[in-house]
Amino acid sequence: MCSYFDDLGIDNNYKYALDIGWLTDLEFGIIKDWHKALEKYNPPGNDAFDHAAILSDPIWLEILRNGLSMKGKLLEILTDTEKKILTEDLNHLRIVD
């Protein structure tokens, strides 16, 4: 969550990315509800380090399901290069110890 909100420069609901063309209105339309759900999410007991509670939280699981759906919708409209980035280059397992 910190990497998504703090490291991607997406303050103000992706305004900068939209203004300079890094993100299209169509792409934003696909991700905006998922983004809002992430923004509102509070882990059980407000404990971001209780991984077991988060991973069994029905609200979090719904956000994950929506994220997978959103990713599928993005894959339908992205270029081949962008698809490769989304499906191959952004490998979360490389950043997990």
Foldseek 3Di string as FASTA:
>chain_A
DCCVPPVPPCPPNNPVCPVVVVADPVLSVLCVVLVVLVVPDAFVVSDPPPVVSLVPDPSNVVSVVSVVVSLVVVCVPDDPVVNCCSPPVPDVVVVDD
